[in-house]
Amino acid sequence: MVNAIPHKLLKRSGYYSCPQDLFLLRGSFTMSDQKYTATVTGTLKNDVTEQTKLVVAFGDSNGAALADPIVFDACTGSGCPIKAGDAINQQVEFQAPGKLPKPYNMVFSMANSESDILGCFYFPFK
């Protein structure tokens, strides 16, 4: 006998202001339980190179980090570098960091370093 429990799959997309007027990326994602599949798209004013990272961070309503950020390479393989003005389309899968409080925020950013953020996508959960 198989015990199958249906999982609610939520698809969300957004286009929100980023902190500090950073260049805006677009994002959409699906989530099932604590698993996320996210797609980040847009065009940036700077090249995306092998040093550029896609960072996913979770924060509370006061902006305090809820966990260590999840970091992905933003540019790999034959499609790298992505020249300034060319379209970015990256899909990543990740696990949410444990039980998250309500409300919380999820921020996706493309960055070369903590001080060189190229763009972001911000999504509040209520």
PDB file of N, CA and C in Angstrom:
ATOM      1  N   MET A   1       0.842  -1.168   0.000  1.00  0.00           N
ATOM      2  CA  MET A   1       0.000   0.000   0.000  1.00  0.00           C
ATOM      3  C   MET A   1       0.891   1.237   0.000  1.00  0.00           C
ATOM      4  N   VAL A   2       0.539   2.192  -0.829  1.00  0.00           N
ATOM      5  CA  VAL A   2       1.290   3.440  -0.923  1.00  0.00           C
ATOM      6  C   VAL A   2       0.484   4.534  -0.256  1.00  0.00           C
ATOM      7  N   ASN A   3       1.129   5.256   0.610  1.00  0.00           N
ATOM      8  CA  ASN A   3       0.479   6.370   1.280  1.00  0.00           C
ATOM      9  C   ASN A   3       0.916   7.652   0.594  1.00  0.00           C
ATOM     10  N   ALA A   4       0.092   8.169  -0.276  1.00  0.00           N
ATOM     11  CA  ALA A   4       0.434   9.374  -1.029  1.00  0.00           C
ATOM     12  C   ALA A   4      -0.343  10.555  -0.474  1.00  0.00           C
ATOM     13  N   ILE A   5       0.392  11.557  -0.078  1.00  0.00           N
ATOM     14  CA  ILE A   5      -0.230  12.779   0.415  1.00  0.00           C
ATOM     15  C   ILE A   5      -0.012  13.855  -0.635  1.00  0.00           C
ATOM     16  N   PRO A   6      -1.069  14.455  -1.143  1.00  0.00           N
ATOM     17  CA  PRO A   6      -0.876  15.506  -2.138  1.00  0.00           C
ATOM     18  C   PRO A   6      -0.201  16.718  -1.503  1.00  0.00           C
ATOM     19  N   HIS A   7       0.745  17.289  -2.221  1.00  0.00           N
ATOM     20  CA  HIS A   7       1.435  18.484  -1.752  1.00  0.00           C
ATOM     21  C   HIS A   7       0.930  19.674  -2.538  1.00  0.00           C
ATOM     22  N   LYS A   8       0.679  20.729  -1.840  1.00  0.00           N
ATOM     23  CA  LYS A   8       0.215  21.945  -2.490  1.00  0.00           C
ATOM     24  C   LYS A   8       1.394  22.591  -3.209  1.00  0.00           C
ATOM     25  N   LEU A   9       1.237  22.848  -4.493  1.00  0.00           N
ATOM     26  CA  LEU A   9       2.266  23.471  -5.305  1.00  0.00           C
ATOM     27  C   LEU A   9       1.820  24.894  -5.577  1.00  0.00           C
ATOM     28  N   LEU A  10       2.603  25.851  -5.124  1.00  0.00           N
ATOM     29  CA  LEU A  10       2.264  27.254  -5.303  1.00  0.00           C
ATOM     30  C   LEU A  10       3.209  27.883  -6.305  1.00  0.00           C
ATOM     31  N   LYS A  11       2.662  28.589  -7.281  1.00  0.00           N
ATOM     32  CA  LYS A  11       3.491  29.295  -8.240  1.00  0.00           C
ATOM     33  C   LYS A  11       3.328  30.777  -7.965  1.00  0.00           C
ATOM     34  N   ARG A  12       4.432  31.456  -7.849  1.00  0.00           N
ATOM     35  CA  ARG A  12       4.412  32.878  -7.565  1.00  0.00           C
ATOM     36  C   ARG A  12       5.363  33.585  -8.513  1.00  0.00           C
ATOM     37  N   SER A  13       5.039  34.811  -8.806  1.00  0.00           N
ATOM     38  CA  SER A  13       5.966  35.641  -9.556  1.00  0.00           C
ATOM     39  C   SER A  13       5.853  37.047  -9.017  1.00  0.00           C
ATOM     40  N   GLY A  14       6.844  37.833  -9.287  1.00  0.00           N
ATOM     41  CA  GLY A  14       6.789  39.181  -8.754  1.00  0.00           C
ATOM     42  C   GLY A  14       7.722  40.120  -9.472  1.00  0.00           C
ATOM     43  N   TYR A  15       7.521  41.369  -9.206  1.00  0.00           N
ATOM     44  CA  TYR A  15       8.319  42.435  -9.808  1.00  0.00           C
ATOM     45  C   TYR A  15       8.327  43.539  -8.772  1.00  0.00           C
ATOM     46  N   TYR A  16       9.241  43.500  -7.857  1.00  0.00           N
ATOM     47  CA  TYR A  16       9.210  44.352  -6.683  1.00  0.00           C
ATOM     48  C   TYR A  16      10.425  45.252  -6.636  1.00  0.00           C
ATOM     49  N   SER A  17      10.295  46.350  -5.895  1.00  0.00           N
ATOM     50  CA  SER A  17      11.411  47.268  -5.713  1.00  0.00           C
ATOM     51  C   SER A  17      12.506  46.591  -4.908  1.00  0.00           C
ATOM     52  N   CYS A  18      13.728  46.853  -5.283  1.00  0.00           N
ATOM     53  CA  CYS A  18      14.874  46.319  -4.560  1.00  0.00           C
ATOM     54  C   CYS A  18      15.403  47.376  -3.610  1.00  0.00           C
ATOM     55  N   PRO A  19      16.042  46.963  -2.535  1.00  0.00           N
ATOM     56  CA  PRO A  19      16.667  47.924  -1.645  1.00  0.00           C
ATOM     57  C   PRO A  19      17.725  48.743  -2.379  1.00  0.00           C
ATOM     58  N   GLN A  20      17.880  49.971  -1.986  1.00  0.00           N
ATOM     59  CA  GLN A  20      18.937  50.856  -2.490  1.00  0.00           C
ATOM     60  C   GLN A  20      18.873  51.066  -3.997  1.00  0.00           C
ATOM     61  N   ASP A  21      17.686  51.007  -4.585  1.00  0.00           N
ATOM     62  CA  ASP A  21      17.501  51.284  -6.015  1.00  0.00           C
ATOM     63  C   ASP A  21      18.423  50.472  -6.924  1.00  0.00           C
ATOM     64  N   LEU A  22      18.633  49.216  -6.599  1.00  0.00           N
ATOM     65  CA  LEU A  22      19.441  48.348  -7.450  1.00  0.00           C
ATOM     66  C   LEU A  22      18.692  48.020  -8.725  1.00  0.00           C
ATOM     67  N   PHE A  23      19.438  47.603  -9.756  1.00  0.00           N
ATOM     68  CA  PHE A  23      18.810  47.224 -11.012  1.00  0.00           C
ATOM     69  C   PHE A  23      17.884  46.046 -10.760  1.00  0.00           C
ATOM     70  N   LEU A  24      16.706  46.100 -11.322  1.00  0.00           N
ATOM     71  CA  LEU A  24      15.668  45.122 -11.023  1.00  0.00           C
ATOM     72  C   LEU A  24      15.722  43.916 -11.950  1.00  0.00           C
ATOM     73  N   LEU A  25      15.738  42.738 -11.358  1.00  0.00           N
ATOM     74  CA  LEU A  25      15.572  41.483 -12.082  1.00  0.00           C
ATOM     75  C   LEU A  25      14.124  41.049 -11.921  1.00  0.00           C
ATOM     76  N   ARG A  26      13.694  40.138 -12.751  1.00  0.00           N
ATOM     77  CA  ARG A  26      12.371  39.535 -12.594  1.00  0.00           C
ATOM     78  C   ARG A  26      12.575  38.114 -12.086  1.00  0.00           C
ATOM     79  N   GLY A  27      11.596  37.634 -11.362  1.00  0.00           N
ATOM     80  CA  GLY A  27      11.717  36.286 -10.848  1.00  0.00           C
ATOM     81  C   GLY A  27      10.376  35.612 -10.739  1.00  0.00           C
ATOM     82  N   SER A  28      10.407  34.321 -10.862  1.00  0.00           N
ATOM     83  CA  SER A  28       9.220  33.513 -10.598  1.00  0.00           C
ATOM     84  C   SER A  28       9.702  32.222  -9.972  1.00  0.00           C
ATOM     85  N   PHE A  29       8.847  31.612  -9.210  1.00  0.00           N
ATOM     86  CA  PHE A  29       9.250  30.359  -8.594  1.00  0.00           C
ATOM     87  C   PHE A  29       8.029  29.551  -8.223  1.00  0.00           C
ATOM     88  N   THR A  30       8.279  28.276  -8.062  1.00  0.00           N
ATOM     89  CA  THR A  30       7.267  27.376  -7.531  1.00  0.00           C
ATOM     90  C   THR A  30       7.806  26.814  -6.232  1.00  0.00           C
ATOM     91  N   MET A  31       6.906  26.486  -5.341  1.00  0.00           N
ATOM     92  CA  MET A  31       7.345  25.863  -4.098  1.00  0.00           C
ATOM     93  C   MET A  31       6.377  24.768  -3.723  1.00  0.00           C
ATOM     94  N   SER A  32       6.951  23.703  -3.228  1.00  0.00           N
ATOM     95  CA  SER A  32       6.195  22.571  -2.732  1.00  0.00           C
ATOM     96  C   SER A  32       6.832  22.195  -1.408  1.00  0.00           C
ATOM     97  N   ASP A  33       6.074  22.308  -0.344  1.00  0.00           N
ATOM     98  CA  ASP A  33       6.625  22.185   1.000  1.00  0.00           C
ATOM     99  C   ASP A  33       7.717  23.232   1.154  1.00  0.00           C
ATOM    100  N   GLN A  34       8.924  22.828   1.403  1.00  0.00           N
ATOM    101  CA  GLN A  34      10.031  23.761   1.589  1.00  0.00           C
ATOM    102  C   GLN A  34      10.996  23.753   0.400  1.00  0.00           C
ATOM    103  N   LYS A  35      10.609  23.137  -0.721  1.00  0.00           N
ATOM    104  CA  LYS A  35      11.473  23.067  -1.897  1.00  0.00           C
ATOM    105  C   LYS A  35      11.048  24.127  -2.908  1.00  0.00           C
ATOM    106  N   TYR A  36      12.022  24.865  -3.409  1.00  0.00           N
ATOM    107  CA  TYR A  36      11.772  25.937  -4.358  1.00  0.00           C
ATOM    108  C   TYR A  36      12.465  25.645  -5.683  1.00  0.00           C
ATOM    109  N   THR A  37      11.824  26.002  -6.769  1.00  0.00           N
ATOM    110  CA  THR A  37      12.446  26.071  -8.084  1.00  0.00           C
ATOM    111  C   THR A  37      12.231  27.502  -8.546  1.00  0.00           C
ATOM    112  N   ALA A  38      13.319  28.234  -8.753  1.00  0.00           N
ATOM    113  CA  ALA A  38      13.222  29.655  -9.090  1.00  0.00           C
ATOM    114  C   ALA A  38      13.857  29.922 -10.443  1.00  0.00           C
ATOM    115  N   THR A  39      13.251  30.841 -11.179  1.00  0.00           N
ATOM    116  CA  THR A  39      13.805  31.321 -12.438  1.00  0.00           C
ATOM    117  C   THR A  39      14.011  32.820 -12.304  1.00  0.00           C
ATOM    118  N   VAL A  40      15.227  33.264 -12.560  1.00  0.00           N
ATOM    119  CA  VAL A  40      15.570  34.680 -12.491  1.00  0.00           C
ATOM    120  C   VAL A  40      15.894  35.144 -13.900  1.00  0.00           C
ATOM    121  N   THR A  41      15.244  36.223 -14.332  1.00  0.00           N
ATOM    122  CA  THR A  41      15.443  36.747 -15.681  1.00  0.00           C
ATOM    123  C   THR A  41      15.658  38.249 -15.630  1.00  0.00           C
ATOM    124  N   GLY A  42      16.180  38.776 -16.710  1.00  0.00           N
ATOM    125  CA  GLY A  42      16.365  40.217 -16.830  1.00  0.00           C
ATOM    126  C   GLY A  42      17.581  40.538 -17.662  1.00  0.00           C
ATOM    127  N   THR A  43      17.886  41.806 -17.744  1.00  0.00           N
ATOM    128  CA  THR A  43      19.115  42.272 -18.385  1.00  0.00           C
ATOM    129  C   THR A  43      19.798  43.211 -17.411  1.00  0.00           C
ATOM    130  N   LEU A  44      21.105  43.122 -17.345  1.00  0.00           N
ATOM    131  CA  LEU A  44      21.877  43.958 -16.431  1.00  0.00           C
ATOM    132  C   LEU A  44      22.737  44.938 -17.209  1.00  0.00           C
ATOM    133  N   LYS A  45      23.172  45.979 -16.526  1.00  0.00           N
ATOM    134  CA  LYS A  45      24.030  46.995 -17.139  1.00  0.00           C
ATOM    135  C   LYS A  45      25.499  46.593 -17.101  1.00  0.00           C
ATOM    136  N   ASN A  46      25.801  45.477 -16.449  1.00  0.00           N
ATOM    137  CA  ASN A  46      27.172  44.980 -16.325  1.00  0.00           C
ATOM    138  C   ASN A  46      27.250  43.557 -16.844  1.00  0.00           C
ATOM    139  N   ASP A  47      28.459  43.150 -17.241  1.00  0.00           N
ATOM    140  CA  ASP A  47      28.680  41.766 -17.652  1.00  0.00           C
ATOM    141  C   ASP A  47      28.488  40.827 -16.459  1.00  0.00           C
ATOM    142  N   VAL A  48      27.966  39.642 -16.727  1.00  0.00           N
ATOM    143  CA  VAL A  48      27.882  38.567 -15.741  1.00  0.00           C
ATOM    144  C   VAL A  48      28.991  37.592 -16.107  1.00  0.00           C
ATOM    145  N   THR A  49      29.934  37.384 -15.192  1.00  0.00           N
ATOM    146  CA  THR A  49      31.124  36.582 -15.467  1.00  0.00           C
ATOM    147  C   THR A  49      31.155  35.346 -14.572  1.00  0.00           C
ATOM    148  N   GLU A  50      32.220  34.582 -14.687  1.00  0.00           N
ATOM    149  CA  GLU A  50      32.384  33.395 -13.840  1.00  0.00           C
ATOM    150  C   GLU A  50      32.504  33.760 -12.364  1.00  0.00           C
ATOM    151  N   GLN A  51      32.842  35.013 -12.056  1.00  0.00           N
ATOM    152  CA  GLN A  51      32.939  35.457 -10.662  1.00  0.00           C
ATOM    153  C   GLN A  51      31.577  35.867 -10.090  1.00  0.00           C
ATOM    154  N   THR A  52      30.585  36.095 -10.945  1.00  0.00           N
ATOM    155  CA  THR A  52      29.269  36.558 -10.501  1.00  0.00           C
ATOM    156  C   THR A  52      28.494  35.417  -9.851  1.00  0.00           C
ATOM    157  N   LYS A  53      27.849  35.723  -8.754  1.00  0.00           N
ATOM    158  CA  LYS A  53      27.053  34.742  -8.011  1.00  0.00           C
ATOM    159  C   LYS A  53      25.587  35.154  -8.007  1.00  0.00           C
ATOM    160  N   LEU A  54      24.709  34.153  -7.991  1.00  0.00           N
ATOM    161  CA  LEU A  54      23.288  34.355  -7.731  1.00  0.00           C
ATOM    162  C   LEU A  54      23.080  33.954  -6.276  1.00  0.00           C
ATOM    163  N   VAL A  55      22.632  34.892  -5.469  1.00  0.00           N
ATOM    164  CA  VAL A  55      22.502  34.678  -4.030  1.00  0.00           C
ATOM    165  C   VAL A  55      21.024  34.732  -3.653  1.00  0.00           C
ATOM    166  N   VAL A  56      20.583  33.741  -2.887  1.00  0.00           N
ATOM    167  CA  VAL A  56      19.217  33.705  -2.373  1.00  0.00           C
ATOM    168  C   VAL A  56      19.309  33.865  -0.859  1.00  0.00           C
ATOM    169  N   ALA A  57      18.628  34.891  -0.342  1.00  0.00           N
ATOM    170  CA  ALA A  57      18.664  35.156   1.095  1.00  0.00           C
ATOM    171  C   ALA A  57      17.244  35.218   1.646  1.00  0.00           C
ATOM    172  N   PHE A  58      17.090  34.784   2.886  1.00  0.00           N
ATOM    173  CA  PHE A  58      15.813  34.827   3.585  1.00  0.00           C
ATOM    174  C   PHE A  58      15.964  35.761   4.775  1.00  0.00           C
ATOM    175  N   GLY A  59      15.014  36.685   4.943  1.00  0.00           N
ATOM    176  CA  GLY A  59      15.067  37.619   6.057  1.00  0.00           C
ATOM    177  C   GLY A  59      13.708  37.802   6.699  1.00  0.00           C
ATOM    178  N   ASP A  60      13.726  38.306   7.943  1.00  0.00           N
ATOM    179  CA  ASP A  60      12.457  38.582   8.608  1.00  0.00           C
ATOM    180  C   ASP A  60      11.955  39.966   8.209  1.00  0.00           C
ATOM    181  N   SER A  61      10.838  40.393   8.778  1.00  0.00           N
ATOM    182  CA  SER A  61      10.231  41.668   8.389  1.00  0.00           C
ATOM    183  C   SER A  61      11.080  42.870   8.790  1.00  0.00           C
ATOM    184  N   ASN A  62      12.069  42.674   9.665  1.00  0.00           N
ATOM    185  CA  ASN A  62      12.983  43.746  10.051  1.00  0.00           C
ATOM    186  C   ASN A  62      14.271  43.731   9.238  1.00  0.00           C
ATOM    187  N   GLY A  63      14.400  42.778   8.325  1.00  0.00           N
ATOM    188  CA  GLY A  63      15.595  42.686   7.494  1.00  0.00           C
ATOM    189  C   GLY A  63      16.701  41.819   8.068  1.00  0.00           C
ATOM    190  N   ALA A  64      16.472  41.199   9.215  1.00  0.00           N
ATOM    191  CA  ALA A  64      17.485  40.326   9.815  1.00  0.00           C
ATOM    192  C   ALA A  64      17.509  38.988   9.083  1.00  0.00           C
ATOM    193  N   ALA A  65      18.712  38.482   8.851  1.00  0.00           N
ATOM    194  CA  ALA A  65      18.877  37.202   8.153  1.00  0.00           C
ATOM    195  C   ALA A  65      18.286  36.065   8.986  1.00  0.00           C
ATOM    196  N   LEU A  66      17.580  35.163   8.305  1.00  0.00           N
ATOM    197  CA  LEU A  66      17.007  33.989   8.965  1.00  0.00           C
ATOM    198  C   LEU A  66      17.882  32.751   8.812  1.00  0.00           C
ATOM    199  N   ALA A  67      18.848  32.810   7.899  1.00  0.00           N
ATOM    200  CA  ALA A  67      19.749  31.680   7.644  1.00  0.00           C
ATOM    201  C   ALA A  67      20.904  32.189   6.792  1.00  0.00           C
ATOM    202  N   ASP A  68      21.909  31.348   6.631  1.00  0.00           N
ATOM    203  CA  ASP A  68      22.988  31.690   5.710  1.00  0.00           C
ATOM    204  C   ASP A  68      22.426  31.754   4.297  1.00  0.00           C
ATOM    205  N   PRO A  69      22.928  32.675   3.473  1.00  0.00           N
ATOM    206  CA  PRO A  69      22.440  32.743   2.091  1.00  0.00           C
ATOM    207  C   PRO A  69      22.815  31.490   1.305  1.00  0.00           C
ATOM    208  N   ILE A  70      22.029  31.207   0.282  1.00  0.00           N
ATOM    209  CA  ILE A  70      22.290  30.096  -0.632  1.00  0.00           C
ATOM    210  C   ILE A  70      22.932  30.705  -1.869  1.00  0.00           C
ATOM    211  N   VAL A  71      24.083  30.177  -2.283  1.00  0.00           N
ATOM    212  CA  VAL A  71      24.872  30.804  -3.345  1.00  0.00           C
ATOM    213  C   VAL A  71      25.036  29.849  -4.522  1.00  0.00           C
ATOM    214  N   PHE A  72      24.790  30.377  -5.732  1.00  0.00           N
ATOM    215  CA  PHE A  72      24.949  29.637  -6.983  1.00  0.00           C
ATOM    216  C   PHE A  72      25.870  30.426  -7.907  1.00  0.00           C
ATOM    217  N   ASP A  73      26.587  29.729  -8.792  1.00  0.00           N
ATOM    218  CA  ASP A  73      27.308  30.410  -9.862  1.00  0.00           C
ATOM    219  C   ASP A  73      26.276  30.978 -10.826  1.00  0.00           C
ATOM    220  N   ALA A  74      26.428  32.253 -11.191  1.00  0.00           N
ATOM    221  CA  ALA A  74      25.467  32.899 -12.090  1.00  0.00           C
ATOM    222  C   ALA A  74      25.806  32.671 -13.551  1.00  0.00           C
ATOM    223  N   CYS A  75      27.033  32.268 -13.814  1.00  0.00           N
ATOM    224  CA  CYS A  75      27.470  32.139 -15.204  1.00  0.00           C
ATOM    225  C   CYS A  75      28.470  30.991 -15.303  1.00  0.00           C
ATOM    226  N   THR A  76      28.119  29.972 -16.061  1.00  0.00           N
ATOM    227  CA  THR A  76      29.019  28.835 -16.247  1.00  0.00           C
ATOM    228  C   THR A  76      28.938  28.349 -17.685  1.00  0.00           C
ATOM    229  N   GLY A  77      29.925  27.616 -18.090  1.00  0.00           N
ATOM    230  CA  GLY A  77      29.887  26.945 -19.391  1.00  0.00           C
ATOM    231  C   GLY A  77      30.036  27.859 -20.582  1.00  0.00           C
ATOM    232  N   SER A  78      29.542  27.387 -21.713  1.00  0.00           N
ATOM    233  CA  SER A  78      29.758  28.076 -22.984  1.00  0.00           C
ATOM    234  C   SER A  78      28.983  29.384 -23.094  1.00  0.00           C
ATOM    235  N   GLY A  79      27.969  29.592 -22.259  1.00  0.00           N
ATOM    236  CA  GLY A  79      27.204  30.835 -22.305  1.00  0.00           C
ATOM    237  C   GLY A  79      27.807  31.956 -21.486  1.00  0.00           C
ATOM    238  N   CYS A  80      29.009  31.760 -20.997  1.00  0.00           N
ATOM    239  CA  CYS A  80      29.645  32.718 -20.108  1.00  0.00           C
ATOM    240  C   CYS A  80      30.820  33.383 -20.821  1.00  0.00           C
ATOM    241  N   PRO A  81      31.019  34.667 -20.707  1.00  0.00           N
ATOM    242  CA  PRO A  81      30.245  35.631 -19.934  1.00  0.00           C
ATOM    243  C   PRO A  81      28.961  36.039 -20.656  1.00  0.00           C
ATOM    244  N   ILE A  82      28.034  36.572 -19.874  1.00  0.00           N
ATOM    245  CA  ILE A  82      26.817  37.166 -20.426  1.00  0.00           C
ATOM    246  C   ILE A  82      27.085  38.662 -20.497  1.00  0.00           C
ATOM    247  N   LYS A  83      27.091  39.199 -21.686  1.00  0.00           N
ATOM    248  CA  LYS A  83      27.437  40.607 -21.885  1.00  0.00           C
ATOM    249  C   LYS A  83      26.339  41.524 -21.349  1.00  0.00           C
ATOM    250  N   ALA A  84      26.737  42.700 -20.904  1.00  0.00           N
ATOM    251  CA  ALA A  84      25.790  43.714 -20.441  1.00  0.00           C
ATOM    252  C   ALA A  84      24.732  43.941 -21.512  1.00  0.00           C
ATOM    253  N   GLY A  85      23.475  43.958 -21.108  1.00  0.00           N
ATOM    254  CA  GLY A  85      22.371  44.163 -22.038  1.00  0.00           C
ATOM    255  C   GLY A  85      21.795  42.887 -22.616  1.00  0.00           C
ATOM    256  N   ASP A  86      22.521  41.762 -22.520  1.00  0.00           N
ATOM    257  CA  ASP A  86      21.991  40.480 -22.992  1.00  0.00           C
ATOM    258  C   ASP A  86      21.071  39.880 -21.927  1.00  0.00           C
ATOM    259  N   ALA A  87      20.136  39.068 -22.359  1.00  0.00           N
ATOM    260  CA  ALA A  87      19.155  38.479 -21.446  1.00  0.00           C
ATOM    261  C   ALA A  87      19.791  37.438 -20.529  1.00  0.00           C
ATOM    262  N   ILE A  88      19.362  37.454 -19.283  1.00  0.00           N
ATOM    263  CA  ILE A  88      19.742  36.452 -18.286  1.00  0.00           C
ATOM    264  C   ILE A  88      18.515  35.585 -18.044  1.00  0.00           C
ATOM    265  N   ASN A  89      18.728  34.276 -17.985  1.00  0.00           N
ATOM    266  CA  ASN A  89      17.635  33.358 -17.676  1.00  0.00           C
ATOM    267  C   ASN A  89      18.250  32.174 -16.944  1.00  0.00           C
ATOM    268  N   GLN A  90      18.167  32.197 -15.623  1.00  0.00           N
ATOM    269  CA  GLN A  90      18.794  31.144 -14.825  1.00  0.00           C
ATOM    270  C   GLN A  90      17.763  30.493 -13.918  1.00  0.00           C
ATOM    271  N   GLN A  91      17.769  29.164 -13.900  1.00  0.00           N
ATOM    272  CA  GLN A  91      16.872  28.411 -13.029  1.00  0.00           C
ATOM    273  C   GLN A  91      17.699  27.692 -11.973  1.00  0.00           C
ATOM    274  N   VAL A  92      17.245  27.771 -10.729  1.00  0.00           N
ATOM    275  CA  VAL A  92      17.929  27.104  -9.616  1.00  0.00           C
ATOM    276  C   VAL A  92      16.899  26.392  -8.748  1.00  0.00           C
ATOM    277  N   GLU A  93      17.349  25.345  -8.071  1.00  0.00           N
ATOM    278  CA  GLU A  93      16.511  24.616  -7.122  1.00  0.00           C
ATOM    279  C   GLU A  93      17.202  24.640  -5.767  1.00  0.00           C
ATOM    280  N   PHE A  94      16.409  24.826  -4.714  1.00  0.00           N
ATOM    281  CA  PHE A  94      16.993  24.878  -3.379  1.00  0.00           C
ATOM    282  C   PHE A  94      15.936  24.551  -2.333  1.00  0.00           C
ATOM    283  N   GLN A  95      16.424  24.250  -1.150  1.00  0.00           N
ATOM    284  CA  GLN A  95      15.588  23.909  -0.004  1.00  0.00           C
ATOM    285  C   GLN A  95      15.507  25.133   0.905  1.00  0.00           C
ATOM    286  N   ALA A  96      14.315  25.461   1.385  1.00  0.00           N
ATOM    287  CA  ALA A  96      14.158  26.559   2.339  1.00  0.00           C
ATOM    288  C   ALA A  96      14.851  26.191   3.647  1.00  0.00           C
ATOM    289  N   PRO A  97      15.370  27.188   4.345  1.00  0.00           N
ATOM    290  CA  PRO A  97      16.107  26.926   5.588  1.00  0.00           C
ATOM    291  C   PRO A  97      15.188  26.698   6.784  1.00  0.00           C
ATOM    292  N   GLY A  98      14.665  25.503   6.917  1.00  0.00           N
ATOM    293  CA  GLY A  98      13.822  25.169   8.068  1.00  0.00           C
ATOM    294  C   GLY A  98      12.479  25.872   8.034  1.00  0.00           C
ATOM    295  N   LYS A  99      11.835  25.950   9.175  1.00  0.00           N
ATOM    296  CA  LYS A  99      10.528  26.599   9.262  1.00  0.00           C
ATOM    297  C   LYS A  99      10.728  28.108   9.283  1.00  0.00           C
ATOM    298  N   LEU A 100      10.074  28.785   8.355  1.00  0.00           N
ATOM    299  CA  LEU A 100      10.208  30.232   8.247  1.00  0.00           C
ATOM    300  C   LEU A 100       9.029  30.927   8.919  1.00  0.00           C
ATOM    301  N   PRO A 101       9.289  32.054   9.593  1.00  0.00           N
ATOM    302  CA  PRO A 101       8.193  32.785  10.237  1.00  0.00           C
ATOM    303  C   PRO A 101       7.347  33.510   9.195  1.00  0.00           C
ATOM    304  N   LYS A 102       6.163  33.895   9.563  1.00  0.00           N
ATOM    305  CA  LYS A 102       5.337  34.746   8.701  1.00  0.00           C
ATOM    306  C   LYS A 102       5.253  36.098   9.384  1.00  0.00           C
ATOM    307  N   PRO A 103       5.533  37.181   8.741  1.00  0.00           N
ATOM    308  CA  PRO A 103       6.002  37.283   7.359  1.00  0.00           C
ATOM    309  C   PRO A 103       7.507  37.045   7.264  1.00  0.00           C
ATOM    310  N   TYR A 104       7.968  36.775   6.036  1.00  0.00           N
ATOM    311  CA  TYR A 104       9.396  36.723   5.757  1.00  0.00           C
ATOM    312  C   TYR A 104       9.615  37.223   4.339  1.00  0.00           C
ATOM    313  N   ASN A 105      10.859  37.500   4.017  1.00  0.00           N
ATOM    314  CA  ASN A 105      11.223  38.005   2.697  1.00  0.00           C
ATOM    315  C   ASN A 105      12.252  37.093   2.063  1.00  0.00           C
ATOM    316  N   MET A 106      12.164  36.961   0.754  1.00  0.00           N
ATOM    317  CA  MET A 106      13.170  36.237  -0.014  1.00  0.00           C
ATOM    318  C   MET A 106      13.767  37.234  -1.009  1.00  0.00           C
ATOM    319  N   VAL A 107      15.095  37.307  -1.047  1.00  0.00           N
ATOM    320  CA  VAL A 107      15.780  38.231  -1.942  1.00  0.00           C
ATOM    321  C   VAL A 107      16.734  37.437  -2.818  1.00  0.00           C
ATOM    322  N   PHE A 108      16.626  37.626  -4.125  1.00  0.00           N
ATOM    323  CA  PHE A 108      17.557  37.054  -5.092  1.00  0.00           C
ATOM    324  C   PHE A 108      18.443  38.201  -5.564  1.00  0.00           C
ATOM    325  N   SER A 109      19.749  38.014  -5.581  1.00  0.00           N
ATOM    326  CA  SER A 109      20.622  39.063  -6.100  1.00  0.00           C
ATOM    327  C   SER A 109      21.734  38.453  -6.939  1.00  0.00           C
ATOM    328  N   MET A 110      22.170  39.218  -7.937  1.00  0.00           N
ATOM    329  CA  MET A 110      23.345  38.879  -8.743  1.00  0.00           C
ATOM    330  C   MET A 110      24.446  39.814  -8.278  1.00  0.00           C
ATOM    331  N   ALA A 111      25.585  39.250  -7.892  1.00  0.00           N
ATOM    332  CA  ALA A 111      26.640  40.074  -7.319  1.00  0.00           C
ATOM    333  C   ALA A 111      28.015  39.504  -7.636  1.00  0.00           C
ATOM    334  N   ASN A 112      28.974  40.419  -7.746  1.00  0.00           N
ATOM    335  CA  ASN A 112      30.380  40.025  -7.872  1.00  0.00           C
ATOM    336  C   ASN A 112      31.041  39.970  -6.501  1.00  0.00           C
ATOM    337  N   SER A 113      30.498  40.719  -5.550  1.00  0.00           N
ATOM    338  CA  SER A 113      30.962  40.724  -4.163  1.00  0.00           C
ATOM    339  C   SER A 113      29.858  41.365  -3.328  1.00  0.00           C
ATOM    340  N   GLU A 114      30.041  41.395  -2.016  1.00  0.00           N
ATOM    341  CA  GLU A 114      29.028  42.006  -1.155  1.00  0.00           C
ATOM    342  C   GLU A 114      28.827  43.479  -1.464  1.00  0.00           C
ATOM    343  N   SER A 115      29.861  44.145  -1.953  1.00  0.00           N
ATOM    344  CA  SER A 115      29.758  45.575  -2.254  1.00  0.00           C
ATOM    345  C   SER A 115      29.498  45.856  -3.729  1.00  0.00           C
ATOM    346  N   ASP A 116      29.469  44.832  -4.575  1.00  0.00           N
ATOM    347  CA  ASP A 116      29.257  45.010  -6.018  1.00  0.00           C
ATOM    348  C   ASP A 116      28.040  44.193  -6.456  1.00  0.00           C
ATOM    349  N   ILE A 117      26.857  44.667  -6.063  1.00  0.00           N
ATOM    350  CA  ILE A 117      25.605  43.986  -6.395  1.00  0.00           C
ATOM    351  C   ILE A 117      25.093  44.545  -7.712  1.00  0.00           C
ATOM    352  N   LEU A 118      24.844  43.663  -8.673  1.00  0.00           N
ATOM    353  CA  LEU A 118      24.449  44.074 -10.017  1.00  0.00           C
ATOM    354  C   LEU A 118      22.943  44.250 -10.155  1.00  0.00           C
ATOM    355  N   GLY A 119      22.160  43.461  -9.438  1.00  0.00           N
ATOM    356  CA  GLY A 119      20.711  43.544  -9.535  1.00  0.00           C
ATOM    357  C   GLY A 119      20.062  42.605  -8.546  1.00  0.00           C
ATOM    358  N   CYS A 120      18.755  42.790  -8.358  1.00  0.00           N
ATOM    359  CA  CYS A 120      18.080  41.926  -7.393  1.00  0.00           C
ATOM    360  C   CYS A 120      16.601  41.787  -7.708  1.00  0.00           C
ATOM    361  N   PHE A 121      15.989  40.865  -7.002  1.00  0.00           N
ATOM    362  CA  PHE A 121      14.553  40.586  -7.057  1.00  0.00           C
ATOM    363  C   PHE A 121      14.118  40.311  -5.627  1.00  0.00           C
ATOM    364  N   TYR A 122      13.112  41.016  -5.164  1.00  0.00           N
ATOM    365  CA  TYR A 122      12.670  40.951  -3.778  1.00  0.00           C
ATOM    366  C   TYR A 122      11.239  40.441  -3.728  1.00  0.00           C
ATOM    367  N   PHE A 123      10.966  39.480  -2.846  1.00  0.00           N
ATOM    368  CA  PHE A 123       9.614  38.941  -2.741  1.00  0.00           C
ATOM    369  C   PHE A 123       9.216  38.787  -1.278  1.00  0.00           C
ATOM    370  N   PRO A 124       8.193  39.517  -0.827  1.00  0.00           N
ATOM    371  CA  PRO A 124       7.717  39.357   0.558  1.00  0.00           C
ATOM    372  C   PRO A 124       6.658  38.257   0.662  1.00  0.00           C
ATOM    373  N   PHE A 125       6.713  37.464   1.711  1.00  0.00           N
ATOM    374  CA  PHE A 125       5.698  36.449   2.008  1.00  0.00           C
ATOM    375  C   PHE A 125       4.948  36.896   3.254  1.00  0.00           C
ATOM    376  N   LYS A 126       3.642  36.889   3.168  1.00  0.00           N
ATOM    377  CA  LYS A 126       2.840  37.326   4.322  1.00  0.00           C
ATOM    378  C   LYS A 126       2.074  36.180   4.906  1.00  0.00           C
TER     379      LYS A 126
END
